[in-house]
Protein backbone atom coordinates (compact mmCIF):
# COMPACT_ATOMS: atom_id res chain seq x y z
CA MET A 1 -17.05 -14.39 -67.46
CA ILE A 2 -14.48 -17.89 -66.23
CA LEU A 3 -12.23 -15.40 -65.59
CA PHE A 4 -14.78 -13.73 -62.92
CA LEU A 5 -16.12 -16.53 -61.48
CA GLY A 6 -12.24 -18.38 -60.91
CA LEU A 7 -11.51 -14.66 -59.15
CA ILE A 8 -14.50 -15.15 -56.72
CA LEU A 9 -13.57 -18.74 -56.36
CA PHE A 10 -10.07 -17.61 -55.61
CA VAL A 11 -11.49 -15.52 -52.85
CA TYR A 12 -13.05 -18.21 -51.24
CA VAL A 13 -10.40 -20.97 -51.31
CA ILE A 14 -7.87 -18.31 -49.47
CA THR A 15 -10.76 -17.47 -47.36
CA ILE A 16 -11.50 -21.27 -46.14
CA SER A 17 -7.61 -22.28 -46.73
CA HIS A 18 -7.60 -19.53 -43.10
CA LEU A 19 -9.83 -21.01 -41.77
CA ILE A 20 -8.17 -24.33 -41.89
CA TYR A 21 -5.47 -22.69 -40.66
CA GLY A 22 -7.50 -21.39 -37.68
CA PHE A 23 -9.58 -24.64 -36.95
CA ASP A 24 -5.83 -26.24 -36.37
CA GLN A 25 -5.13 -23.34 -33.84
CA ILE A 26 -7.31 -24.38 -31.04
CA PRO A 27 -5.90 -27.31 -29.23
CA THR A 28 -8.64 -30.23 -27.91
CA TYR A 29 -9.27 -29.27 -24.56
CA ILE A 30 -9.12 -32.58 -22.63
CA LYS A 31 -10.69 -31.97 -19.19
CA SER A 32 -8.12 -32.10 -15.97
CA ASP A 33 -10.03 -33.38 -12.65
CA ASP A 34 -9.95 -30.27 -10.83
CA LYS A 35 -12.53 -30.30 -7.94
CA PRO A 36 -16.08 -28.68 -8.93
CA GLU A 37 -16.68 -25.34 -6.97
CA THR A 38 -18.04 -23.08 -9.46
CA TYR A 39 -21.99 -22.44 -9.48
CA PHE A 40 -24.11 -22.86 -12.92
CA ALA A 41 -27.29 -21.44 -13.68
CA ILE A 42 -28.56 -23.14 -16.60
CA VAL A 43 -31.13 -21.66 -18.79
CA VAL A 44 -33.54 -22.71 -20.46
CA PRO A 45 -36.15 -20.78 -22.80
CA PHE A 46 -38.42 -22.92 -24.30
CA ARG A 47 -41.95 -22.10 -26.42
CA ASN A 48 -44.06 -25.72 -27.10
CA GLU A 49 -41.30 -27.94 -26.44
CA SER A 50 -43.03 -30.94 -25.04
CA ALA A 51 -41.84 -33.46 -27.84
CA ASN A 52 -38.25 -32.31 -26.70
CA LEU A 53 -38.33 -31.76 -22.94
CA HIS A 54 -37.84 -35.48 -21.63
CA SER A 55 -34.83 -36.09 -22.92
CA LEU A 56 -33.27 -32.74 -22.23
CA LEU A 57 -34.50 -33.42 -18.56
CA GLU A 58 -32.73 -36.74 -18.38
CA SER A 59 -29.83 -35.42 -19.64
CA PHE A 60 -29.78 -32.38 -16.76
CA LYS A 61 -30.50 -35.46 -13.96
CA ASN A 62 -27.29 -37.51 -15.69
CA LEU A 63 -25.23 -34.51 -14.86
CA ASN A 64 -21.95 -35.73 -13.40
CA TYR A 65 -22.05 -32.44 -11.15
CA PRO A 66 -22.57 -31.23 -7.65
CA LYS A 67 -26.58 -31.10 -7.26
CA THR A 68 -25.76 -28.26 -5.20
CA LEU A 69 -23.91 -26.42 -7.54
CA PHE A 70 -25.76 -25.82 -10.34
CA GLU A 71 -29.88 -24.50 -10.49
CA ILE A 72 -31.76 -24.66 -13.82
CA ILE A 73 -34.07 -21.93 -14.39
CA PHE A 74 -36.79 -22.48 -17.32
CA VAL A 75 -38.54 -19.61 -18.84
CA ASP A 76 -41.83 -20.78 -20.93
CA ASP A 77 -42.84 -18.55 -24.12
CA PHE A 78 -46.46 -18.87 -23.95
CA SER A 79 -45.94 -22.54 -24.73
CA GLU A 80 -49.78 -23.92 -26.37
CA ASP A 81 -48.94 -27.69 -25.05
CA ASP A 82 -47.64 -29.38 -22.17
CA SER A 83 -44.72 -28.30 -21.74
CA VAL A 84 -44.83 -26.75 -18.77
CA LYS A 85 -47.14 -29.50 -17.32
CA LYS A 86 -44.03 -31.82 -17.69
CA ILE A 87 -41.26 -29.51 -15.98
CA PHE A 88 -43.71 -29.33 -13.38
CA LYS A 89 -43.80 -33.05 -13.57
CA TRP A 90 -40.19 -33.66 -13.35
CA ARG A 91 -39.32 -30.83 -10.86
CA MET A 92 -41.69 -32.42 -8.13
CA GLU A 93 -40.53 -36.04 -9.44
CA ASN A 94 -36.85 -34.77 -8.88
CA GLY A 95 -36.73 -32.75 -5.95
CA ILE A 96 -32.96 -32.55 -5.08
CA PHE A 97 -32.85 -30.00 -8.27
CA HIS A 98 -32.73 -26.67 -8.08
CA THR A 99 -35.49 -25.86 -10.29
CA THR A 100 -37.61 -22.24 -11.47
CA LEU A 101 -40.08 -21.85 -13.79
CA LEU A 102 -40.82 -18.81 -15.23
CA GLU A 103 -43.18 -16.92 -17.78
CA ASN A 104 -41.37 -14.61 -20.29
CA LEU A 105 -42.30 -10.85 -20.44
CA ARG A 106 -42.08 -9.59 -23.77
CA ILE A 107 -40.34 -6.36 -23.69
CA SER A 108 -39.00 -6.49 -27.71
CA ASN A 109 -38.71 -8.37 -30.79
CA SER A 110 -36.97 -11.08 -30.14
CA PRO A 111 -38.30 -13.77 -27.21
CA LYS A 112 -35.69 -15.88 -26.77
CA LYS A 113 -33.57 -12.55 -25.46
CA ASP A 114 -36.44 -12.05 -23.45
CA ALA A 115 -36.12 -15.07 -22.07
CA ILE A 116 -32.63 -14.88 -21.20
CA SER A 117 -33.17 -11.35 -19.37
CA ARG A 118 -35.94 -12.52 -17.72
CA ALA A 119 -33.78 -14.81 -16.28
CA ILE A 120 -30.69 -12.84 -15.17
CA PRO A 121 -32.26 -10.57 -12.35
CA ILE A 122 -33.08 -13.92 -10.41
CA ILE A 123 -29.48 -15.33 -10.81
CA LYS A 124 -27.54 -15.26 -7.44
CA ASN A 125 -23.98 -16.51 -9.10
CA GLU A 126 -22.04 -15.41 -11.33
CA TRP A 127 -21.53 -17.78 -14.31
CA ILE A 128 -24.94 -18.62 -16.76
CA VAL A 129 -25.35 -21.42 -19.26
CA THR A 130 -27.54 -21.29 -21.39
CA THR A 131 -29.01 -24.24 -23.90
CA ASP A 132 -32.44 -25.18 -25.74
CA ALA A 133 -35.39 -27.36 -25.09
CA ASP A 134 -34.46 -29.84 -27.88
CA CYS A 135 -31.27 -30.50 -26.66
CA ILE A 136 -29.17 -33.42 -24.86
CA VAL A 137 -26.01 -32.14 -22.60
CA PRO A 138 -23.59 -34.84 -22.15
CA GLU A 139 -22.88 -35.73 -18.75
CA ASN A 140 -19.28 -34.01 -18.10
CA TRP A 141 -20.75 -30.94 -19.77
CA LEU A 142 -20.69 -28.90 -16.38
CA LEU A 143 -17.63 -30.35 -15.29
CA THR A 144 -15.94 -29.38 -18.10
CA LEU A 145 -17.14 -25.99 -17.79
CA ASN A 146 -15.68 -25.93 -14.90
CA ASN A 147 -12.40 -27.19 -15.44
CA TYR A 148 -11.65 -24.71 -18.02
CA ILE A 149 -12.98 -21.43 -16.28
CA GLN A 150 -10.47 -22.71 -12.98
CA ASN A 151 -7.33 -23.11 -15.52
CA HIS A 152 -8.01 -19.94 -17.87
CA ASP A 153 -9.02 -16.12 -17.18
CA VAL A 154 -11.83 -16.38 -19.11
CA SER A 155 -15.31 -14.72 -19.11
CA MET A 156 -17.34 -16.14 -21.98
CA ILE A 157 -17.08 -19.71 -23.45
CA VAL A 158 -18.49 -20.81 -26.81
CA GLY A 159 -19.12 -24.58 -27.15
CA SER A 160 -20.04 -26.58 -29.71
CA VAL A 161 -23.07 -28.20 -31.04
CA SER A 162 -23.90 -31.28 -33.10
CA TYR A 163 -26.60 -32.84 -34.44
CA ASP A 164 -28.32 -36.41 -33.68
CA CYS A 165 -28.93 -37.66 -36.62
CA LYS A 166 -30.92 -40.41 -38.54
CA LYS A 167 -30.17 -42.07 -42.02
CA SER A 168 -32.21 -39.68 -43.92
CA PHE A 169 -30.64 -37.81 -46.42
CA LEU A 170 -31.87 -34.39 -44.88
CA HIS A 171 -30.38 -35.16 -41.68
CA HIS A 172 -27.08 -35.46 -43.32
CA PHE A 173 -27.75 -32.85 -45.32
CA GLN A 174 -28.20 -30.02 -42.19
CA GLN A 175 -24.82 -32.10 -40.10
CA LEU A 176 -23.14 -31.01 -43.11
CA ASP A 177 -24.01 -27.52 -43.33
CA LEU A 178 -24.03 -27.41 -39.04
CA MET A 179 -20.39 -28.85 -39.43
CA SER A 180 -19.19 -26.27 -41.58
CA LEU A 181 -20.97 -24.15 -39.37
CA GLN A 182 -18.96 -25.49 -36.59
CA GLY A 183 -15.55 -25.14 -38.30
CA THR A 184 -16.29 -21.96 -39.46
CA THR A 185 -16.72 -20.91 -35.62
CA ILE A 186 -13.46 -23.08 -34.59
CA GLY A 187 -11.17 -21.37 -37.71
CA SER A 188 -12.56 -18.09 -37.02
CA PHE A 189 -11.46 -18.26 -32.88
CA GLY A 190 -8.01 -19.47 -34.40
CA LEU A 191 -7.59 -16.39 -36.19
CA GLY A 192 -8.30 -14.62 -33.16
CA LEU A 193 -11.75 -13.28 -34.76
CA GLY A 194 -14.19 -15.27 -33.76
CA PHE A 195 -18.07 -13.78 -34.64
CA MET A 196 -20.00 -17.15 -34.34
CA CYS A 197 -21.45 -19.40 -31.27
CA ASN A 198 -24.77 -21.07 -30.57
CA GLY A 199 -26.84 -20.29 -27.46
CA ALA A 200 -27.72 -24.01 -27.35
CA ASN A 201 -24.14 -24.31 -25.75
CA PHE A 202 -22.80 -20.69 -24.52
CA CYS A 203 -21.58 -19.66 -20.94
CA TYR A 204 -20.60 -16.44 -19.84
CA THR A 205 -20.30 -14.64 -16.15
CA LYS A 206 -23.36 -12.39 -15.38
CA SER A 207 -20.79 -9.61 -15.08
CA LEU A 208 -20.31 -9.69 -18.48
CA PHE A 209 -23.71 -9.49 -19.77
CA LYS A 210 -24.14 -6.69 -17.76
CA GLU A 211 -21.46 -5.02 -18.96
CA LEU A 212 -22.23 -5.28 -22.13
CA ASN A 213 -25.91 -3.90 -21.36
CA GLY A 214 -27.19 -7.74 -22.13
CA PHE A 215 -28.92 -7.39 -25.46
CA THR A 216 -29.57 -3.87 -25.80
CA GLY A 217 -28.52 -2.59 -29.13
CA ASN A 218 -30.14 -5.76 -31.63
CA ASN A 219 -33.51 -6.46 -29.59
CA THR A 220 -35.48 -5.80 -32.63
CA LEU A 221 -33.81 -8.88 -34.70
CA ALA A 222 -35.90 -11.87 -33.58
CA SER A 223 -32.40 -13.81 -33.87
CA GLY A 224 -29.29 -13.39 -32.27
CA ASP A 225 -29.14 -13.60 -28.54
CA ASP A 226 -25.87 -15.72 -28.97
CA VAL A 227 -23.58 -13.63 -31.41
CA PHE A 228 -24.72 -10.65 -30.94
CA LEU A 229 -23.41 -10.92 -26.99
CA LEU A 230 -20.19 -12.43 -28.39
CA GLN A 231 -19.79 -10.28 -31.11
CA LYS A 232 -19.98 -7.03 -27.76
CA ALA A 233 -17.80 -9.72 -25.66
CA MET A 234 -14.99 -9.53 -28.51
CA GLU A 235 -15.02 -5.93 -29.22
CA LYS A 236 -14.78 -5.17 -25.59
CA ASP A 237 -11.76 -7.41 -24.83
CA SER A 238 -11.40 -10.57 -27.08
CA LYS A 239 -8.90 -12.29 -24.72
CA ILE A 240 -11.68 -13.11 -21.81
CA VAL A 241 -13.82 -14.56 -24.77
CA HIS A 242 -12.79 -18.79 -25.58
CA TYR A 243 -14.01 -21.72 -28.00
CA LEU A 244 -13.61 -24.77 -25.68
CA LYS A 245 -12.86 -27.01 -28.60
CA SER A 246 -13.79 -30.39 -25.86
CA LYS A 247 -15.32 -33.49 -26.93
CA SER A 248 -17.03 -34.10 -23.50
CA ASN A 249 -18.51 -30.20 -23.92
CA ILE A 250 -20.61 -31.50 -27.28
CA VAL A 251 -24.19 -30.66 -26.89
CA SER A 252 -26.51 -32.66 -28.95
CA THR A 253 -29.87 -31.25 -30.72
CA LYS A 254 -31.98 -32.58 -33.31
CA PRO A 255 -32.07 -31.44 -36.72
CA MET A 256 -34.90 -30.68 -38.68
CA LYS A 257 -38.21 -32.85 -39.62
CA ASP A 258 -38.68 -31.19 -43.50
CA TRP A 259 -37.10 -28.99 -45.55
CA LYS A 260 -39.33 -26.06 -44.96
CA SER A 261 -38.54 -26.18 -41.29
CA LEU A 262 -34.84 -26.24 -42.86
CA LEU A 263 -35.49 -22.89 -44.53
CA PHE A 264 -36.99 -21.27 -42.18
CA GLN A 265 -34.11 -22.00 -39.55
CA ARG A 266 -31.71 -20.70 -41.52
CA VAL A 267 -33.24 -17.76 -42.77
CA ARG A 268 -33.85 -17.06 -39.18
CA TRP A 269 -30.37 -17.89 -39.03
CA ALA A 270 -29.33 -15.61 -41.88
CA SER A 271 -31.34 -12.48 -41.13
CA LYS A 272 -29.18 -11.50 -38.78
CA THR A 273 -26.00 -11.38 -40.78
CA GLY A 274 -26.71 -7.40 -41.74
CA ALA A 275 -26.42 -6.36 -37.85
CA TYR A 276 -22.92 -8.39 -37.11
CA GLU A 277 -20.71 -5.60 -35.46
CA SER A 278 -17.84 -8.23 -36.92
CA VAL A 279 -16.35 -6.51 -39.81
CA PHE A 280 -15.47 -10.39 -40.48
CA GLY A 281 -18.18 -11.81 -40.05
CA LYS A 282 -19.78 -9.98 -42.69
CA ASP A 283 -17.17 -10.00 -44.78
CA LEU A 284 -16.72 -13.98 -45.02
CA ALA A 285 -20.34 -14.27 -44.93
CA VAL A 286 -20.43 -12.31 -48.48
CA ILE A 287 -17.26 -14.22 -49.30
CA VAL A 288 -19.48 -17.61 -48.90
CA PHE A 289 -22.21 -16.44 -50.74
CA MET A 290 -20.43 -15.08 -53.69
CA GLY A 291 -18.44 -18.71 -53.74
CA ASN A 292 -21.82 -20.44 -54.10
CA LEU A 293 -23.50 -17.82 -55.85
CA SER A 294 -20.45 -18.40 -58.81
CA LEU A 295 -21.17 -22.15 -59.32
CA VAL A 296 -25.01 -21.13 -59.30
CA PHE A 297 -24.88 -19.36 -62.23
CA GLY A 298 -21.73 -21.32 -64.01
CA PHE A 299 -23.90 -24.00 -63.67
CA LEU A 300 -26.80 -21.90 -65.55
CA PHE A 301 -23.89 -20.57 -68.10
CA CYS A 302 -23.31 -24.12 -68.75
CA VAL A 303 -26.97 -25.48 -69.15
CA PHE A 304 -27.53 -22.11 -71.59
CA GLU A 305 -23.85 -23.34 -73.23
CA GLN A 306 -22.13 -19.97 -72.17
CA VAL A 307 -19.64 -22.35 -70.32
CA ASP A 308 -18.00 -25.52 -71.25
CA TRP A 309 -19.38 -28.12 -68.66
CA GLN A 310 -15.50 -29.23 -68.20
CA ILE A 311 -14.08 -25.70 -67.08
CA PHE A 312 -17.42 -25.56 -64.39
CA GLY A 313 -16.37 -28.97 -63.30
CA ILE A 314 -13.00 -27.92 -62.24
CA LEU A 315 -14.34 -24.96 -60.11
CA PHE A 316 -16.61 -27.04 -58.72
CA LEU A 317 -13.90 -29.51 -57.87
CA ILE A 318 -11.50 -26.92 -56.36
CA LYS A 319 -13.95 -25.42 -54.06
CA PHE A 320 -15.23 -28.82 -52.98
CA ASN A 321 -11.42 -29.93 -52.16
CA PHE A 322 -10.97 -27.06 -50.02
CA ASP A 323 -14.70 -27.34 -48.36
CA PHE A 324 -13.97 -30.95 -47.64
CA ILE A 325 -10.57 -30.88 -45.84
CA LEU A 326 -12.54 -28.30 -43.37
CA LEU A 327 -15.58 -30.48 -42.92
CA LYS A 328 -13.18 -33.28 -42.48
CA LYS A 329 -11.14 -31.58 -40.19
CA THR A 330 -14.52 -31.16 -38.10
CA ASN A 331 -16.09 -34.48 -38.22
CA SER A 332 -12.83 -35.90 -37.05
CA PHE A 333 -13.46 -33.67 -34.20
CA PHE A 334 -17.29 -34.34 -33.24
CA THR A 335 -17.14 -37.77 -34.31
CA LYS A 336 -15.58 -41.22 -35.70
CA LYS A 337 -18.38 -41.51 -38.42
CA ARG A 338 -18.02 -41.07 -42.20
CA MET A 339 -19.38 -38.20 -43.55
CA ASN A 340 -22.66 -38.93 -45.89
CA TYR A 341 -24.24 -38.41 -49.05
CA LEU A 342 -20.99 -35.34 -48.99
CA ILE A 343 -20.89 -35.23 -53.02
CA LEU A 344 -24.52 -34.74 -53.39
CA SER A 345 -24.89 -31.97 -50.34
CA SER A 346 -22.24 -30.48 -52.22
CA VAL A 347 -23.98 -30.39 -55.39
CA LEU A 348 -27.15 -28.97 -53.86
CA TYR A 349 -25.29 -27.21 -51.16
CA PRO A 350 -24.87 -23.59 -53.50
CA PHE A 351 -28.47 -23.45 -55.00
CA PHE A 352 -29.99 -24.01 -50.84
CA CYS A 353 -27.40 -21.31 -49.72
CA VAL A 354 -28.38 -18.97 -52.56
CA GLY A 355 -32.17 -19.25 -51.53
CA VAL A 356 -31.61 -19.06 -47.98
CA ALA A 357 -29.75 -15.53 -48.82
CA LEU A 358 -32.44 -14.31 -51.04
CA PHE A 359 -35.15 -15.40 -49.06
CA SER A 360 -33.17 -13.43 -45.95
CA LEU A 361 -33.60 -10.21 -47.93
CA LEU A 362 -36.73 -10.58 -49.38
CA GLY A 363 -38.78 -12.41 -47.10
CA SER A 364 -40.42 -13.12 -43.77
CA TYR A 365 -40.01 -16.48 -42.19
CA GLU A 366 -42.12 -18.97 -39.47
CA TRP A 367 -40.74 -20.07 -36.08
CA LYS A 368 -42.21 -21.70 -33.15
CA GLY A 369 -46.24 -20.96 -35.11
CA ARG A 370 -44.71 -17.04 -35.20
CA LYS A 371 -44.15 -14.73 -38.24
CA PHE A 372 -41.13 -12.43 -38.13
CA ASN A 373 -40.07 -10.14 -40.88
């Protein structure tokens, strides 16, 4: 049994080592002083985001980019709070912005994909940027995208996302989890095998969206407005899809407030894995799941005295050290703050990861007041 667990962890460690190598292959981009000339359409799908909209709207207001070179399209997915009222009020007070408010048209099982598809036809220019209503965008967000577009042959740009954390263990657990996802994303792009992104900071051309037939083929899944479009683009021509590793382009969002919400969010994310077009993405998901499952089984075998605790401790430390290297590199890019609750999170994470994976296969979840299977 120990040999079997050791073999699984060996494959896991080799995989993480490749991601660490890939992470270093993506250079950190520093924006140049190119003149702003790219027109952007910012698309924000939302539902019941009254508590978060103020921060997002203020960050739009503070963007260091000509107001004549971007528009904001909000798509309301049948909000039951006063989100729409807040946007109307902000639009009246800030008439200098070209702002449009649309109502979502549900044509699939995915509200967010429907919302983006609703906005696409009214966009007259080429570049689309998506973000979420619970986010804060940095002041040089569009300026950095503009500079990158002017200096690269690119049709799709994947950006970075981080959490705005407080001091609680729950928040820092989520931050470490997100750092692992961001590190994996950057590492996979460094290997030329990008398969994952985040719709909170995602940019692509309208013509590419049309060439890929939008979300056709995966709109039966509630989630995946970002990764499925990315994987389609990678399959079509990976050279036109870039990861923008820039400190001036990091969008921040809020972590979940409780463990139940976190579980449902991660289940929502995990539920789309089986439909990945990326073979590397599927294989990686299996390897990560098996790596964490091996620790869960190892712990249980120790409890029932089938495995020596010392041997289990060695296996745990091997996995921990390689995870730490990737997390450390990622955290150093995103922030100068130290990683908190690292050991405790590393102990609990295998159980959380396995639970999310099993729940995504066997159960349903709730999101924004709706139930999904």
